[in-house]
Amino acid sequence: MNIIAWVVLGLLAGAIAKAIYPGYQGGGILATIVLGIVGAFIGGTLGVLLTTGKLALATPTFSIPGLGLAVIGALIAIFIWYSFARRTV
């Protein structure tokens, strides 16, 4: 997948995950894109793990199921980020 598709998928997945996750999440558009891209890697890796049983770094395709995996991964990334951020404050 090329870089522009990653940015678009990251923006969509990050925005949807921030809308779903309860509470306030700071950060602007760049943080949302990075969150979505990290979420796409997490979701793609989990998708490969659940379907094949192998742990491999993967990204989902730019499709509706791929967006769903990216949103799930972004929700996991938000949860992990705020669980660590809460401890340091």
N, C-alpha and C. Protein backbone atom coordinates (compact mmCIF):
# COMPACT_ATOMS: atom_id res chain seq x y z
N MET A 1 0.86 -1.17 0.00
CA MET A 1 0.00 0.00 0.00
C MET A 1 0.91 1.22 0.00
N ASN A 2 0.60 2.20 -0.81
CA ASN A 2 1.46 3.37 -0.86
C ASN A 2 1.21 4.31 0.32
N ILE A 3 2.08 5.28 0.47
CA ILE A 3 2.07 6.15 1.65
C ILE A 3 0.81 7.01 1.74
N ILE A 4 0.28 7.44 0.62
CA ILE A 4 -0.94 8.27 0.66
C ILE A 4 -2.13 7.45 1.16
N ALA A 5 -2.21 6.21 0.74
CA ALA A 5 -3.28 5.34 1.23
C ALA A 5 -3.12 5.08 2.72
N TRP A 6 -1.87 4.95 3.20
CA TRP A 6 -1.65 4.78 4.64
C TRP A 6 -2.11 6.01 5.40
N VAL A 7 -1.82 7.19 4.88
CA VAL A 7 -2.22 8.43 5.57
C VAL A 7 -3.73 8.56 5.60
N VAL A 8 -4.39 8.26 4.49
CA VAL A 8 -5.86 8.34 4.44
C VAL A 8 -6.49 7.31 5.37
N LEU A 9 -6.00 6.07 5.31
CA LEU A 9 -6.51 5.03 6.20
C LEU A 9 -6.24 5.39 7.66
N GLY A 10 -5.06 5.95 7.94
CA GLY A 10 -4.73 6.37 9.30
C GLY A 10 -5.63 7.48 9.80
N LEU A 11 -5.91 8.45 8.95
CA LEU A 11 -6.78 9.55 9.33
C LEU A 11 -8.19 9.05 9.62
N LEU A 12 -8.72 8.21 8.74
CA LEU A 12 -10.07 7.67 8.96
C LEU A 12 -10.14 6.80 10.21
N ALA A 13 -9.19 5.88 10.34
CA ALA A 13 -9.21 4.97 11.49
C ALA A 13 -8.99 5.72 12.79
N GLY A 14 -8.06 6.67 12.81
CA GLY A 14 -7.80 7.44 14.02
C GLY A 14 -8.99 8.29 14.43
N ALA A 15 -9.64 8.92 13.45
CA ALA A 15 -10.80 9.76 13.76
C ALA A 15 -11.97 8.92 14.28
N ILE A 16 -12.20 7.76 13.67
CA ILE A 16 -13.29 6.89 14.13
C ILE A 16 -12.98 6.35 15.52
N ALA A 17 -11.73 5.96 15.76
CA ALA A 17 -11.36 5.42 17.08
C ALA A 17 -11.47 6.49 18.15
N LYS A 18 -11.07 7.72 17.84
CA LYS A 18 -11.20 8.80 18.82
C LYS A 18 -12.66 9.12 19.11
N ALA A 19 -13.53 8.96 18.11
CA ALA A 19 -14.95 9.21 18.33
C ALA A 19 -15.59 8.10 19.16
N ILE A 20 -15.11 6.87 19.02
CA ILE A 20 -15.67 5.74 19.75
C ILE A 20 -15.17 5.69 21.18
N TYR A 21 -13.87 5.94 21.38
CA TYR A 21 -13.25 5.80 22.70
C TYR A 21 -13.79 6.87 23.65
N PRO A 22 -14.23 6.48 24.86
CA PRO A 22 -14.80 7.46 25.79
C PRO A 22 -13.74 8.39 26.37
N GLY A 23 -14.15 9.59 26.68
CA GLY A 23 -13.25 10.57 27.28
C GLY A 23 -12.61 11.45 26.24
N TYR A 24 -11.76 12.36 26.70
CA TYR A 24 -11.09 13.31 25.83
C TYR A 24 -9.72 12.77 25.43
N GLN A 25 -9.43 12.81 24.16
CA GLN A 25 -8.11 12.47 23.66
C GLN A 25 -7.52 13.71 23.02
N GLY A 26 -6.41 14.16 23.53
CA GLY A 26 -5.77 15.33 22.97
C GLY A 26 -5.08 15.01 21.66
N GLY A 27 -4.44 16.00 21.13
CA GLY A 27 -3.70 15.80 19.88
C GLY A 27 -4.49 16.34 18.71
N GLY A 28 -3.76 16.75 17.71
CA GLY A 28 -4.37 17.31 16.52
C GLY A 28 -4.48 16.28 15.42
N ILE A 29 -4.49 16.79 14.21
CA ILE A 29 -4.67 15.93 13.04
C ILE A 29 -3.48 15.01 12.84
N LEU A 30 -2.28 15.49 13.12
CA LEU A 30 -1.09 14.65 12.95
C LEU A 30 -1.10 13.48 13.94
N ALA A 31 -1.49 13.76 15.18
CA ALA A 31 -1.58 12.70 16.19
C ALA A 31 -2.65 11.68 15.81
N THR A 32 -3.74 12.14 15.21
CA THR A 32 -4.80 11.25 14.78
C THR A 32 -4.32 10.34 13.64
N ILE A 33 -3.57 10.91 12.70
CA ILE A 33 -3.04 10.11 11.59
C ILE A 33 -2.06 9.07 12.10
N VAL A 34 -1.15 9.48 12.99
CA VAL A 34 -0.16 8.54 13.54
C VAL A 34 -0.87 7.45 14.33
N LEU A 35 -1.87 7.82 15.12
CA LEU A 35 -2.64 6.84 15.87
C LEU A 35 -3.31 5.85 14.93
N GLY A 36 -3.87 6.32 13.84
CA GLY A 36 -4.52 5.44 12.89
C GLY A 36 -3.54 4.52 12.18
N ILE A 37 -2.35 5.03 11.83
CA ILE A 37 -1.36 4.20 11.17
C ILE A 37 -0.85 3.13 12.12
N VAL A 38 -0.58 3.50 13.36
CA VAL A 38 -0.16 2.51 14.36
C VAL A 38 -1.28 1.49 14.58
N GLY A 39 -2.51 1.99 14.62
CA GLY A 39 -3.65 1.09 14.76
C GLY A 39 -3.81 0.14 13.60
N ALA A 40 -3.49 0.62 12.39
CA ALA A 40 -3.56 -0.26 11.22
C ALA A 40 -2.54 -1.39 11.33
N PHE A 41 -1.34 -1.07 11.81
CA PHE A 41 -0.35 -2.13 12.00
C PHE A 41 -0.79 -3.11 13.09
N ILE A 42 -1.33 -2.60 14.18
CA ILE A 42 -1.80 -3.48 15.26
C ILE A 42 -2.96 -4.34 14.76
N GLY A 43 -3.93 -3.72 14.11
CA GLY A 43 -5.08 -4.47 13.61
C GLY A 43 -4.70 -5.48 12.53
N GLY A 44 -3.81 -5.10 11.63
CA GLY A 44 -3.37 -6.04 10.60
C GLY A 44 -2.62 -7.22 11.18
N THR A 45 -1.78 -6.95 12.18
CA THR A 45 -1.04 -8.02 12.83
C THR A 45 -1.97 -8.96 13.57
N LEU A 46 -2.96 -8.39 14.26
CA LEU A 46 -3.95 -9.24 14.95
C LEU A 46 -4.78 -10.05 13.95
N GLY A 47 -5.11 -9.44 12.82
CA GLY A 47 -5.86 -10.16 11.79
C GLY A 47 -5.09 -11.35 11.24
N VAL A 48 -3.80 -11.15 10.99
CA VAL A 48 -2.96 -12.26 10.52
C VAL A 48 -2.83 -13.33 11.60
N LEU A 49 -2.66 -12.90 12.84
CA LEU A 49 -2.52 -13.85 13.95
C LEU A 49 -3.78 -14.69 14.11
N LEU A 50 -4.94 -14.08 14.01
CA LEU A 50 -6.19 -14.82 14.19
C LEU A 50 -6.52 -15.72 13.01
N THR A 51 -6.13 -15.32 11.80
CA THR A 51 -6.48 -16.14 10.64
C THR A 51 -5.47 -17.24 10.34
N THR A 52 -4.17 -16.96 10.55
CA THR A 52 -3.16 -17.96 10.20
C THR A 52 -2.48 -18.58 11.41
N GLY A 53 -2.56 -17.92 12.54
CA GLY A 53 -1.89 -18.43 13.73
C GLY A 53 -0.43 -18.03 13.81
N LYS A 54 0.03 -17.22 12.87
CA LYS A 54 1.42 -16.77 12.86
C LYS A 54 1.48 -15.29 13.21
N LEU A 55 2.51 -14.92 13.96
CA LEU A 55 2.70 -13.52 14.33
C LEU A 55 3.58 -12.85 13.28
N ALA A 56 2.97 -11.98 12.47
CA ALA A 56 3.69 -11.29 11.40
C ALA A 56 3.19 -9.86 11.33
N LEU A 57 4.09 -8.92 11.16
CA LEU A 57 3.72 -7.52 11.03
C LEU A 57 3.06 -7.31 9.68
N ALA A 58 1.82 -6.83 9.69
CA ALA A 58 1.08 -6.65 8.44
C ALA A 58 0.17 -5.44 8.56
N THR A 59 -0.22 -4.91 7.43
CA THR A 59 -1.19 -3.83 7.39
C THR A 59 -2.41 -4.29 6.61
N PRO A 60 -3.58 -3.81 6.99
CA PRO A 60 -4.76 -4.19 6.23
C PRO A 60 -4.83 -3.44 4.91
N THR A 61 -5.63 -3.94 4.00
CA THR A 61 -5.81 -3.26 2.73
C THR A 61 -6.76 -2.08 2.90
N PHE A 62 -6.76 -1.21 1.93
CA PHE A 62 -7.65 -0.04 1.97
C PHE A 62 -9.03 -0.47 1.51
N SER A 63 -9.80 -1.04 2.45
CA SER A 63 -11.14 -1.53 2.18
C SER A 63 -11.95 -1.40 3.46
N ILE A 64 -13.21 -1.74 3.41
CA ILE A 64 -14.07 -1.64 4.60
C ILE A 64 -13.60 -2.60 5.70
N PRO A 65 -13.32 -3.88 5.41
CA PRO A 65 -12.78 -4.73 6.48
C PRO A 65 -11.41 -4.26 6.97
N GLY A 66 -10.61 -3.73 6.07
CA GLY A 66 -9.31 -3.19 6.48
C GLY A 66 -9.46 -1.99 7.39
N LEU A 67 -10.44 -1.14 7.10
CA LEU A 67 -10.71 0.00 7.96
C LEU A 67 -11.19 -0.47 9.32
N GLY A 68 -12.00 -1.51 9.35
CA GLY A 68 -12.47 -2.06 10.62
C GLY A 68 -11.31 -2.59 11.46
N LEU A 69 -10.39 -3.30 10.83
CA LEU A 69 -9.20 -3.78 11.55
C LEU A 69 -8.35 -2.62 12.05
N ALA A 70 -8.22 -1.58 11.24
CA ALA A 70 -7.43 -0.42 11.64
C ALA A 70 -8.07 0.31 12.81
N VAL A 71 -9.39 0.40 12.83
CA VAL A 71 -10.10 1.06 13.94
C VAL A 71 -9.93 0.25 15.22
N ILE A 72 -10.06 -1.07 15.12
CA ILE A 72 -9.87 -1.92 16.30
C ILE A 72 -8.44 -1.77 16.83
N GLY A 73 -7.47 -1.76 15.92
CA GLY A 73 -6.09 -1.56 16.33
C GLY A 73 -5.86 -0.18 16.94
N ALA A 74 -6.51 0.84 16.39
CA ALA A 74 -6.37 2.19 16.94
C ALA A 74 -6.99 2.29 18.33
N LEU A 75 -8.11 1.59 18.55
CA LEU A 75 -8.71 1.57 19.89
C LEU A 75 -7.76 0.90 20.89
N ILE A 76 -7.11 -0.16 20.46
CA ILE A 76 -6.13 -0.83 21.33
C ILE A 76 -4.96 0.11 21.60
N ALA A 77 -4.51 0.83 20.57
CA ALA A 77 -3.40 1.77 20.74
C ALA A 77 -3.76 2.90 21.70
N ILE A 78 -4.98 3.43 21.60
CA ILE A 78 -5.43 4.47 22.53
C ILE A 78 -5.44 3.94 23.95
N PHE A 79 -5.97 2.74 24.14
CA PHE A 79 -6.04 2.15 25.47
C PHE A 79 -4.65 1.98 26.07
N ILE A 80 -3.72 1.44 25.27
CA ILE A 80 -2.36 1.24 25.77
C ILE A 80 -1.69 2.57 26.07
N TRP A 81 -1.84 3.54 25.17
CA TRP A 81 -1.21 4.85 25.37
C TRP A 81 -1.70 5.52 26.66
N TYR A 82 -3.02 5.54 26.87
CA TYR A 82 -3.54 6.21 28.05
C TYR A 82 -3.33 5.43 29.33
N SER A 83 -3.16 4.12 29.26
CA SER A 83 -2.84 3.37 30.46
C SER A 83 -1.41 3.68 30.91
N PHE A 84 -0.48 3.89 29.98
CA PHE A 84 0.87 4.29 30.33
C PHE A 84 0.93 5.76 30.70
N ALA A 85 0.18 6.60 30.03
CA ALA A 85 0.22 8.05 30.30
C ALA A 85 -0.38 8.36 31.68
N ARG A 86 -1.37 7.61 32.09
CA ARG A 86 -1.98 7.84 33.39
C ARG A 86 -1.00 7.53 34.52
N ARG A 87 -0.16 6.54 34.33
CA ARG A 87 0.79 6.15 35.38
C ARG A 87 1.91 7.16 35.56
N THR A 88 2.28 7.85 34.51
CA THR A 88 3.41 8.78 34.60
C THR A 88 3.01 10.13 35.13
N VAL A 89 1.74 10.45 35.16
CA VAL A 89 1.29 11.77 35.61
C VAL A 89 1.15 11.81 37.11
